[in-house]
Amino acid sequence: MSAAGTFAWMNPECIRNSEFSTKSDVLSFGVLLWECLTGELPYKSFDQMEVAFDIATNKYSLPTPSTCPEEISQLMTNYWKILPDKHSTFSDLVKQINEIIEINHIKSNEEFYQSLQKDWREEIQDMFKELKEKEQKIRDREQAMYQRSLEQNHQRLQLGKWE
């Protein structure tokens, strides 16, 4: 168990309630697995306080590359489940890895893997860019709503003077 770390590797309960357990370390391992497979840092160009807030409120989940083999994708996402009692255990991890090896989904061809990883990086960067754009639109809408609220309050005050 650990009580320290970077927000991108932490589970929501750790950020919200400072609740730490081996299950929270399992989620961190899932993020580490994603990092190893994709060669990317999770949320690397995002504001860290924004990452903390959005993970704590369950708004963020790492994107899984569309060309990632289903078994490997499932292996990663099993560790990102929001409810702590739903997290897989490290024993489950060993079983899943052995199953993946048995059905031979991990290719030993390094060039093939590097090509996949390059494609995954590009896809993930596009996904993160899209996420940032959506968040900016939401922030812009919130700002516009706030401005309208201020204007309405000002108008109410002005009308109150005439009554």
N, C-alpha and C. Protein backbone atom coordinates (compact mmCIF):
# COMPACT_ATOMS: atom_id res chain seq x y z
N MET A 1 0.84 -1.19 0.00
CA MET A 1 0.00 0.00 0.00
C MET A 1 0.88 1.24 0.00
N SER A 2 0.37 2.25 -0.64
CA SER A 2 1.13 3.50 -0.64
C SER A 2 0.19 4.67 -0.39
N ALA A 3 0.71 5.70 0.23
CA ALA A 3 -0.08 6.90 0.51
C ALA A 3 0.50 8.09 -0.24
N ALA A 4 1.23 7.82 -1.29
CA ALA A 4 1.82 8.90 -2.07
C ALA A 4 1.76 8.53 -3.54
N GLY A 5 1.87 9.52 -4.36
CA GLY A 5 1.88 9.23 -5.79
C GLY A 5 1.40 10.40 -6.59
N THR A 6 1.42 10.22 -7.87
CA THR A 6 0.96 11.25 -8.78
C THR A 6 -0.50 10.96 -9.08
N PHE A 7 -1.29 12.01 -9.23
CA PHE A 7 -2.74 11.86 -9.37
C PHE A 7 -3.14 10.91 -10.49
N ALA A 8 -2.44 10.96 -11.61
CA ALA A 8 -2.82 10.11 -12.75
C ALA A 8 -2.75 8.63 -12.41
N TRP A 9 -1.97 8.26 -11.41
CA TRP A 9 -1.81 6.86 -11.03
C TRP A 9 -2.65 6.50 -9.81
N MET A 10 -3.41 7.44 -9.30
CA MET A 10 -4.17 7.21 -8.06
C MET A 10 -5.61 6.84 -8.37
N ASN A 11 -6.22 6.10 -7.46
CA ASN A 11 -7.62 5.79 -7.64
C ASN A 11 -8.47 6.88 -6.99
N PRO A 12 -9.72 7.03 -7.41
CA PRO A 12 -10.56 8.13 -6.92
C PRO A 12 -10.68 8.19 -5.39
N GLU A 13 -10.78 7.03 -4.74
CA GLU A 13 -10.92 7.02 -3.28
C GLU A 13 -9.69 7.61 -2.59
N CYS A 14 -8.53 7.37 -3.17
CA CYS A 14 -7.29 7.92 -2.59
C CYS A 14 -7.31 9.44 -2.64
N ILE A 15 -7.76 9.98 -3.75
CA ILE A 15 -7.78 11.44 -3.91
C ILE A 15 -8.87 12.05 -3.05
N ARG A 16 -10.07 11.45 -3.09
CA ARG A 16 -11.21 12.03 -2.36
C ARG A 16 -11.10 11.87 -0.85
N ASN A 17 -10.79 10.66 -0.41
CA ASN A 17 -10.90 10.34 1.01
C ASN A 17 -9.60 9.92 1.68
N SER A 18 -8.51 9.96 0.95
CA SER A 18 -7.23 9.47 1.47
C SER A 18 -7.35 8.04 1.99
N GLU A 19 -8.12 7.23 1.27
CA GLU A 19 -8.26 5.81 1.62
C GLU A 19 -7.29 5.02 0.76
N PHE A 20 -6.37 4.33 1.41
CA PHE A 20 -5.33 3.60 0.70
C PHE A 20 -5.41 2.13 1.07
N SER A 21 -5.22 1.27 0.09
CA SER A 21 -5.24 -0.17 0.32
C SER A 21 -4.48 -0.85 -0.81
N THR A 22 -4.36 -2.15 -0.71
CA THR A 22 -3.73 -2.87 -1.82
C THR A 22 -4.57 -2.74 -3.08
N LYS A 23 -5.89 -2.55 -2.91
CA LYS A 23 -6.75 -2.37 -4.08
C LYS A 23 -6.43 -1.06 -4.80
N SER A 24 -6.07 -0.03 -4.04
CA SER A 24 -5.69 1.22 -4.71
C SER A 24 -4.36 1.05 -5.44
N ASP A 25 -3.48 0.21 -4.90
CA ASP A 25 -2.22 -0.07 -5.59
C ASP A 25 -2.46 -0.88 -6.86
N VAL A 26 -3.49 -1.72 -6.85
CA VAL A 26 -3.83 -2.50 -8.04
C VAL A 26 -4.24 -1.55 -9.17
N LEU A 27 -5.05 -0.54 -8.85
CA LEU A 27 -5.44 0.44 -9.87
C LEU A 27 -4.20 1.16 -10.40
N SER A 28 -3.31 1.54 -9.51
CA SER A 28 -2.07 2.20 -9.93
C SER A 28 -1.28 1.32 -10.88
N PHE A 29 -1.27 0.02 -10.59
CA PHE A 29 -0.57 -0.90 -11.47
C PHE A 29 -1.23 -0.94 -12.85
N GLY A 30 -2.54 -0.88 -12.89
CA GLY A 30 -3.24 -0.85 -14.18
C GLY A 30 -2.83 0.35 -15.02
N VAL A 31 -2.64 1.49 -14.36
CA VAL A 31 -2.19 2.69 -15.07
C VAL A 31 -0.75 2.48 -15.54
N LEU A 32 0.07 1.89 -14.70
CA LEU A 32 1.46 1.59 -15.07
C LEU A 32 1.50 0.65 -16.28
N LEU A 33 0.63 -0.34 -16.28
CA LEU A 33 0.55 -1.26 -17.40
C LEU A 33 0.19 -0.52 -18.69
N TRP A 34 -0.78 0.39 -18.59
CA TRP A 34 -1.17 1.22 -19.74
C TRP A 34 0.04 2.02 -20.23
N GLU A 35 0.77 2.59 -19.28
CA GLU A 35 1.95 3.40 -19.61
C GLU A 35 3.00 2.56 -20.34
N CYS A 36 3.25 1.36 -19.85
CA CYS A 36 4.25 0.48 -20.48
C CYS A 36 3.82 0.07 -21.89
N LEU A 37 2.56 -0.26 -22.05
CA LEU A 37 2.08 -0.70 -23.35
C LEU A 37 2.03 0.41 -24.38
N THR A 38 1.64 1.60 -23.96
CA THR A 38 1.48 2.70 -24.92
C THR A 38 2.73 3.55 -25.07
N GLY A 39 3.61 3.51 -24.07
CA GLY A 39 4.80 4.36 -24.11
C GLY A 39 4.47 5.82 -23.83
N GLU A 40 3.30 6.09 -23.29
CA GLU A 40 2.84 7.45 -23.00
C GLU A 40 2.68 7.65 -21.49
N LEU A 41 2.80 8.89 -21.07
CA LEU A 41 2.47 9.24 -19.69
C LEU A 41 0.99 9.57 -19.64
N PRO A 42 0.28 9.08 -18.64
CA PRO A 42 -1.15 9.38 -18.57
C PRO A 42 -1.40 10.87 -18.31
N TYR A 43 -2.23 11.46 -19.13
CA TYR A 43 -2.63 12.87 -18.98
C TYR A 43 -1.42 13.81 -18.92
N LYS A 44 -0.39 13.54 -19.73
CA LYS A 44 0.88 14.27 -19.61
C LYS A 44 0.78 15.76 -19.88
N SER A 45 -0.12 16.21 -20.71
CA SER A 45 -0.17 17.64 -21.01
C SER A 45 -1.34 18.33 -20.29
N PHE A 46 -1.92 17.64 -19.33
CA PHE A 46 -3.06 18.19 -18.60
C PHE A 46 -2.58 18.87 -17.31
N ASP A 47 -3.33 19.84 -16.86
CA ASP A 47 -3.09 20.47 -15.58
C ASP A 47 -3.32 19.43 -14.48
N GLN A 48 -2.35 19.26 -13.58
CA GLN A 48 -2.42 18.19 -12.59
C GLN A 48 -3.57 18.36 -11.59
N MET A 49 -3.91 19.59 -11.25
CA MET A 49 -5.05 19.78 -10.34
C MET A 49 -6.35 19.41 -11.04
N GLU A 50 -6.42 19.68 -12.32
CA GLU A 50 -7.58 19.29 -13.12
C GLU A 50 -7.67 17.77 -13.20
N VAL A 51 -6.53 17.12 -13.40
CA VAL A 51 -6.49 15.66 -13.44
C VAL A 51 -6.97 15.10 -12.10
N ALA A 52 -6.48 15.65 -11.00
CA ALA A 52 -6.88 15.18 -9.67
C ALA A 52 -8.39 15.31 -9.49
N PHE A 53 -8.93 16.47 -9.83
CA PHE A 53 -10.37 16.69 -9.66
C PHE A 53 -11.18 15.74 -10.52
N ASP A 54 -10.78 15.60 -11.78
CA ASP A 54 -11.56 14.77 -12.70
C ASP A 54 -11.43 13.29 -12.40
N ILE A 55 -10.30 12.85 -11.88
CA ILE A 55 -10.19 11.45 -11.45
C ILE A 55 -11.03 11.25 -10.20
N ALA A 56 -10.94 12.17 -9.26
CA ALA A 56 -11.70 12.06 -8.01
C ALA A 56 -13.21 12.04 -8.26
N THR A 57 -13.65 12.72 -9.30
CA THR A 57 -15.09 12.77 -9.61
C THR A 57 -15.46 11.78 -10.72
N ASN A 58 -14.55 10.87 -11.01
CA ASN A 58 -14.77 9.80 -11.99
C ASN A 58 -15.08 10.30 -13.39
N LYS A 59 -14.50 11.43 -13.76
CA LYS A 59 -14.71 11.97 -15.11
C LYS A 59 -13.64 11.49 -16.09
N TYR A 60 -12.51 11.06 -15.58
CA TYR A 60 -11.41 10.64 -16.45
C TYR A 60 -11.24 9.13 -16.41
N SER A 61 -10.96 8.59 -17.54
CA SER A 61 -10.53 7.20 -17.66
C SER A 61 -9.57 7.18 -18.84
N LEU A 62 -8.50 6.46 -18.71
CA LEU A 62 -7.51 6.43 -19.79
C LEU A 62 -8.10 5.80 -21.05
N PRO A 63 -7.77 6.35 -22.20
CA PRO A 63 -8.28 5.77 -23.44
C PRO A 63 -7.53 4.50 -23.79
N THR A 64 -8.27 3.53 -24.27
CA THR A 64 -7.66 2.28 -24.72
C THR A 64 -7.57 2.34 -26.24
N PRO A 65 -6.39 2.14 -26.79
CA PRO A 65 -6.25 2.20 -28.25
C PRO A 65 -7.18 1.20 -28.94
N SER A 66 -7.75 1.62 -30.04
CA SER A 66 -8.73 0.79 -30.74
C SER A 66 -8.11 -0.49 -31.31
N THR A 67 -6.82 -0.47 -31.59
CA THR A 67 -6.17 -1.66 -32.16
C THR A 67 -5.52 -2.54 -31.10
N CYS A 68 -5.71 -2.19 -29.85
CA CYS A 68 -5.16 -3.00 -28.76
C CYS A 68 -5.94 -4.32 -28.70
N PRO A 69 -5.24 -5.45 -28.65
CA PRO A 69 -5.95 -6.74 -28.55
C PRO A 69 -6.91 -6.73 -27.36
N GLU A 70 -8.08 -7.29 -27.56
CA GLU A 70 -9.16 -7.26 -26.56
C GLU A 70 -8.70 -7.77 -25.19
N GLU A 71 -7.94 -8.86 -25.17
CA GLU A 71 -7.51 -9.43 -23.90
C GLU A 71 -6.61 -8.47 -23.13
N ILE A 72 -5.74 -7.78 -23.84
CA ILE A 72 -4.84 -6.82 -23.18
C ILE A 72 -5.62 -5.59 -22.74
N SER A 73 -6.54 -5.16 -23.57
CA SER A 73 -7.40 -4.03 -23.21
C SER A 73 -8.18 -4.35 -21.94
N GLN A 74 -8.76 -5.53 -21.89
CA GLN A 74 -9.51 -5.96 -20.70
C GLN A 74 -8.61 -6.04 -19.48
N LEU A 75 -7.41 -6.53 -19.68
CA LEU A 75 -6.45 -6.62 -18.58
C LEU A 75 -6.22 -5.25 -17.96
N MET A 76 -6.03 -4.24 -18.80
CA MET A 76 -5.81 -2.88 -18.28
C MET A 76 -7.06 -2.32 -17.63
N THR A 77 -8.18 -2.41 -18.33
CA THR A 77 -9.39 -1.75 -17.83
C THR A 77 -9.95 -2.43 -16.58
N ASN A 78 -9.65 -3.69 -16.37
CA ASN A 78 -10.08 -4.35 -15.14
C ASN A 78 -9.48 -3.66 -13.91
N TYR A 79 -8.39 -2.96 -14.10
CA TYR A 79 -7.73 -2.29 -12.98
C TYR A 79 -8.20 -0.86 -12.79
N TRP A 80 -9.02 -0.36 -13.70
CA TRP A 80 -9.47 1.03 -13.60
C TRP A 80 -10.89 1.14 -13.07
N LYS A 81 -11.48 0.04 -12.67
CA LYS A 81 -12.86 0.10 -12.20
C LYS A 81 -12.97 1.05 -11.02
N ILE A 82 -14.08 1.78 -11.00
CA ILE A 82 -14.26 2.85 -10.03
C ILE A 82 -14.50 2.33 -8.61
N LEU A 83 -15.31 1.31 -8.45
CA LEU A 83 -15.63 0.83 -7.11
C LEU A 83 -14.49 -0.03 -6.59
N PRO A 84 -13.97 0.27 -5.41
CA PRO A 84 -12.79 -0.45 -4.92
C PRO A 84 -13.00 -1.95 -4.79
N ASP A 85 -14.20 -2.38 -4.42
CA ASP A 85 -14.43 -3.82 -4.28
C ASP A 85 -14.51 -4.51 -5.64
N LYS A 86 -14.55 -3.74 -6.72
CA LYS A 86 -14.59 -4.31 -8.06
C LYS A 86 -13.20 -4.44 -8.68
N HIS A 87 -12.19 -3.87 -8.04
CA HIS A 87 -10.84 -3.96 -8.59
C HIS A 87 -10.37 -5.41 -8.59
N SER A 88 -9.63 -5.75 -9.61
CA SER A 88 -8.99 -7.06 -9.64
C SER A 88 -7.87 -7.08 -8.60
N THR A 89 -7.39 -8.26 -8.32
CA THR A 89 -6.27 -8.39 -7.38
C THR A 89 -5.01 -8.71 -8.19
N PHE A 90 -3.87 -8.66 -7.53
CA PHE A 90 -2.63 -9.01 -8.22
C PHE A 90 -2.62 -10.49 -8.60
N SER A 91 -3.28 -11.32 -7.81
CA SER A 91 -3.40 -12.74 -8.18
C SER A 91 -4.18 -12.89 -9.48
N ASP A 92 -5.24 -12.08 -9.61
CA ASP A 92 -6.02 -12.09 -10.86
C ASP A 92 -5.14 -11.68 -12.04
N LEU A 93 -4.27 -10.72 -11.80
CA LEU A 93 -3.37 -10.24 -12.85
C LEU A 93 -2.51 -11.37 -13.39
N VAL A 94 -1.90 -12.12 -12.50
CA VAL A 94 -1.04 -13.23 -12.91
C VAL A 94 -1.83 -14.23 -13.74
N LYS A 95 -3.05 -14.55 -13.30
CA LYS A 95 -3.89 -15.49 -14.05
C LYS A 95 -4.20 -14.95 -15.44
N GLN A 96 -4.56 -13.67 -15.52
CA GLN A 96 -4.91 -13.08 -16.81
C GLN A 96 -3.71 -13.05 -17.75
N ILE A 97 -2.55 -12.70 -17.24
CA ILE A 97 -1.35 -12.68 -18.08
C ILE A 97 -1.04 -14.08 -18.60
N ASN A 98 -1.13 -15.08 -17.74
CA ASN A 98 -0.89 -16.46 -18.17
C ASN A 98 -1.88 -16.88 -19.25
N GLU A 99 -3.15 -16.48 -19.11
CA GLU A 99 -4.15 -16.81 -20.13
C GLU A 99 -3.81 -16.13 -21.46
N ILE A 100 -3.39 -14.89 -21.40
CA ILE A 100 -3.04 -14.16 -22.63
C ILE A 100 -1.86 -14.83 -23.31
N ILE A 101 -0.87 -15.23 -22.53
CA ILE A 101 0.30 -15.91 -23.09
C ILE A 101 -0.12 -17.23 -23.72
N GLU A 102 -1.00 -17.97 -23.04
CA GLU A 102 -1.45 -19.27 -23.55
C GLU A 102 -2.18 -19.15 -24.88
N ILE A 103 -3.00 -18.11 -25.03
CA ILE A 103 -3.72 -17.97 -26.30
C ILE A 103 -2.90 -17.21 -27.33
N ASN A 104 -1.64 -16.89 -26.95
CA ASN A 104 -0.64 -16.35 -27.87
C ASN A 104 -1.03 -15.02 -28.50
N HIS A 105 -1.59 -14.11 -27.70
CA HIS A 105 -1.89 -12.79 -28.22
C HIS A 105 -0.72 -11.82 -28.10
N ILE A 106 0.28 -12.20 -27.34
CA ILE A 106 1.45 -11.34 -27.25
C ILE A 106 2.46 -11.83 -28.27
N LYS A 107 2.69 -11.04 -29.27
CA LYS A 107 3.62 -11.41 -30.33
C LYS A 107 5.04 -11.08 -29.89
N SER A 108 5.96 -11.91 -30.31
CA SER A 108 7.35 -11.69 -29.93
C SER A 108 8.07 -10.78 -30.91
N ASN A 109 7.43 -10.42 -32.00
CA ASN A 109 8.03 -9.56 -33.01
C ASN A 109 8.10 -8.12 -32.49
N GLU A 110 9.31 -7.67 -32.18
CA GLU A 110 9.49 -6.35 -31.58
C GLU A 110 9.08 -5.23 -32.53
N GLU A 111 9.36 -5.39 -33.82
CA GLU A 111 8.98 -4.35 -34.79
C GLU A 111 7.47 -4.19 -34.84
N PHE A 112 6.75 -5.30 -34.80
CA PHE A 112 5.29 -5.25 -34.81
C PHE A 112 4.78 -4.49 -33.59
N TYR A 113 5.33 -4.80 -32.43
CA TYR A 113 4.91 -4.13 -31.20
C TYR A 113 5.23 -2.64 -31.26
N GLN A 114 6.41 -2.28 -31.73
CA GLN A 114 6.78 -0.86 -31.81
C GLN A 114 5.88 -0.11 -32.78
N SER A 115 5.49 -0.77 -33.86
CA SER A 115 4.57 -0.15 -34.81
C SER A 115 3.21 0.09 -34.15
N LEU A 116 2.73 -0.92 -33.43
CA LEU A 116 1.47 -0.76 -32.70
C LEU A 116 1.57 0.37 -31.68
N GLN A 117 2.66 0.39 -30.95
CA GLN A 117 2.84 1.41 -29.91
C GLN A 117 2.84 2.81 -30.53
N LYS A 118 3.47 2.97 -31.68
CA LYS A 118 3.48 4.27 -32.36
C LYS A 118 2.06 4.68 -32.72
N ASP A 119 1.30 3.74 -33.29
CA ASP A 119 -0.10 4.03 -33.63
C ASP A 119 -0.91 4.38 -32.39
N TRP A 120 -0.67 3.65 -31.30
CA TRP A 120 -1.40 3.90 -30.05
C TRP A 120 -1.10 5.29 -29.52
N ARG A 121 0.17 5.68 -29.58
CA ARG A 121 0.54 7.02 -29.10
C ARG A 121 -0.23 8.10 -29.85
N GLU A 122 -0.25 7.96 -31.17
CA GLU A 122 -0.95 8.96 -31.99
C GLU A 122 -2.44 8.97 -31.66
N GLU A 123 -3.02 7.79 -31.54
CA GLU A 123 -4.45 7.70 -31.23
C GLU A 123 -4.76 8.30 -29.85
N ILE A 124 -3.93 8.01 -28.89
CA ILE A 124 -4.13 8.52 -27.53
C ILE A 124 -3.96 10.03 -27.50
N GLN A 125 -2.97 10.54 -28.21
CA GLN A 125 -2.79 11.99 -28.26
C GLN A 125 -4.02 12.66 -28.87
N ASP A 126 -4.58 12.05 -29.91
CA ASP A 126 -5.80 12.59 -30.51
C ASP A 126 -6.96 12.55 -29.52
N MET A 127 -7.08 11.45 -28.77
CA MET A 127 -8.15 11.34 -27.78
C MET A 127 -8.00 12.39 -26.68
N PHE A 128 -6.78 12.59 -26.21
CA PHE A 128 -6.55 13.59 -25.17
C PHE A 128 -6.82 15.00 -25.70
N LYS A 129 -6.44 15.24 -26.95
CA LYS A 129 -6.70 16.55 -27.55
C LYS A 129 -8.20 16.80 -27.62
N GLU A 130 -8.95 15.80 -28.03
CA GLU A 130 -10.40 15.92 -28.11
C GLU A 130 -11.01 16.16 -26.72
N LEU A 131 -10.50 15.46 -25.73
CA LEU A 131 -10.98 15.64 -24.36
C LEU A 131 -10.72 17.06 -23.88
N LYS A 132 -9.53 17.58 -24.16
CA LYS A 132 -9.21 18.95 -23.76
C LYS A 132 -10.12 19.96 -24.46
N GLU A 133 -10.40 19.73 -25.74
CA GLU A 133 -11.28 20.64 -26.48
C GLU A 133 -12.69 20.63 -25.89
N LYS A 134 -13.18 19.45 -25.54
CA LYS A 134 -14.51 19.35 -24.93
C LYS A 134 -14.54 20.08 -23.59
N GLU A 135 -13.50 19.89 -22.80
CA GLU A 135 -13.43 20.57 -21.50
C GLU A 135 -13.39 22.08 -21.67
N GLN A 136 -12.67 22.55 -22.69
CA GLN A 136 -12.60 23.99 -22.92
C GLN A 136 -13.97 24.54 -23.31
N LYS A 137 -14.70 23.80 -24.13
CA LYS A 137 -16.05 24.22 -24.50
C LYS A 137 -16.94 24.30 -23.27
N ILE A 138 -16.82 23.34 -22.38
CA ILE A 138 -17.61 23.35 -21.15
C ILE A 138 -17.23 24.56 -20.30
N ARG A 139 -15.93 24.81 -20.16
CA ARG A 139 -15.49 25.97 -19.39
C ARG A 139 -16.01 27.27 -20.00
N ASP A 140 -15.97 27.36 -21.33
CA ASP A 140 -16.48 28.55 -22.01
C ASP A 140 -17.97 28.74 -21.76
N ARG A 141 -18.73 27.64 -21.81
CA ARG A 141 -20.17 27.72 -21.53
C ARG A 141 -20.42 28.14 -20.09
N GLU A 142 -19.65 27.56 -19.17
CA GLU A 142 -19.81 27.94 -17.76
C GLU A 142 -19.52 29.42 -17.56
N GLN A 143 -18.48 29.91 -18.21
CA GLN A 143 -18.13 31.33 -18.10
C GLN A 143 -19.24 32.20 -18.68
N ALA A 144 -19.80 31.81 -19.82
CA ALA A 144 -20.89 32.57 -20.43
C ALA A 144 -22.11 32.58 -19.52
N MET A 145 -22.41 31.44 -18.90
CA MET A 145 -23.55 31.37 -17.98
C MET A 145 -23.31 32.26 -16.77
N TYR A 146 -22.11 32.25 -16.28
CA TYR A 146 -21.76 33.10 -15.14
C TYR A 146 -21.92 34.57 -15.49
N GLN A 147 -21.45 34.95 -16.67
CA GLN A 147 -21.59 36.34 -17.12
C GLN A 147 -23.06 36.73 -17.24
N ARG A 148 -23.88 35.83 -17.81
CA ARG A 148 -25.32 36.11 -17.92
C ARG A 148 -25.94 36.27 -16.54
N SER A 149 -25.51 35.45 -15.61
CA SER A 149 -26.02 35.55 -14.24
C SER A 149 -25.68 36.90 -13.63
N LEU A 150 -24.45 37.34 -13.83
CA LEU A 150 -24.05 38.65 -13.32
C LEU A 150 -24.88 39.76 -13.95
N GLU A 151 -25.10 39.66 -15.26
CA GLU A 151 -25.90 40.67 -15.96
C GLU A 151 -27.33 40.68 -15.45
N GLN A 152 -27.90 39.50 -15.22
CA GLN A 152 -29.26 39.42 -14.71
C GLN A 152 -29.36 40.02 -13.31
N ASN A 153 -28.39 39.74 -12.48
CA ASN A 153 -28.38 40.32 -11.13
C ASN A 153 -28.27 41.84 -11.20
N HIS A 154 -27.44 42.32 -12.10
CA HIS A 154 -27.30 43.77 -12.28
C HIS A 154 -28.63 44.38 -12.73
N GLN A 155 -29.30 43.71 -13.67
CA GLN A 155 -30.59 44.21 -14.14
C GLN A 155 -31.63 44.21 -13.03
N ARG A 156 -31.63 43.17 -12.19
CA ARG A 156 -32.56 43.11 -11.05
C ARG A 156 -32.32 44.29 -10.12
N LEU A 157 -31.05 44.56 -9.86
CA LEU A 157 -30.73 45.70 -9.00
C LEU A 157 -31.21 47.01 -9.61
N GLN A 158 -31.01 47.15 -10.92
CA GLN A 158 -31.46 48.36 -11.60
C GLN A 158 -32.98 48.49 -11.56
N LEU A 159 -33.68 47.38 -11.77
CA LEU A 159 -35.14 47.40 -11.71
C LEU A 159 -35.63 47.71 -10.30
N GLY A 160 -34.90 47.20 -9.32
CA GLY A 160 -35.27 47.46 -7.92
C GLY A 160 -35.21 48.93 -7.58
N LYS A 161 -34.34 49.66 -8.22
CA LYS A 161 -34.23 51.10 -7.97
C LYS A 161 -35.47 51.83 -8.46
N TRP A 162 -36.14 51.30 -9.48
CA TRP A 162 -37.31 51.96 -10.07
C TRP A 162 -38.59 51.64 -9.31
N GLU A 163 -38.57 50.61 -8.53
CA GLU A 163 -39.80 50.20 -7.83
C GLU A 163 -40.08 51.00 -6.61
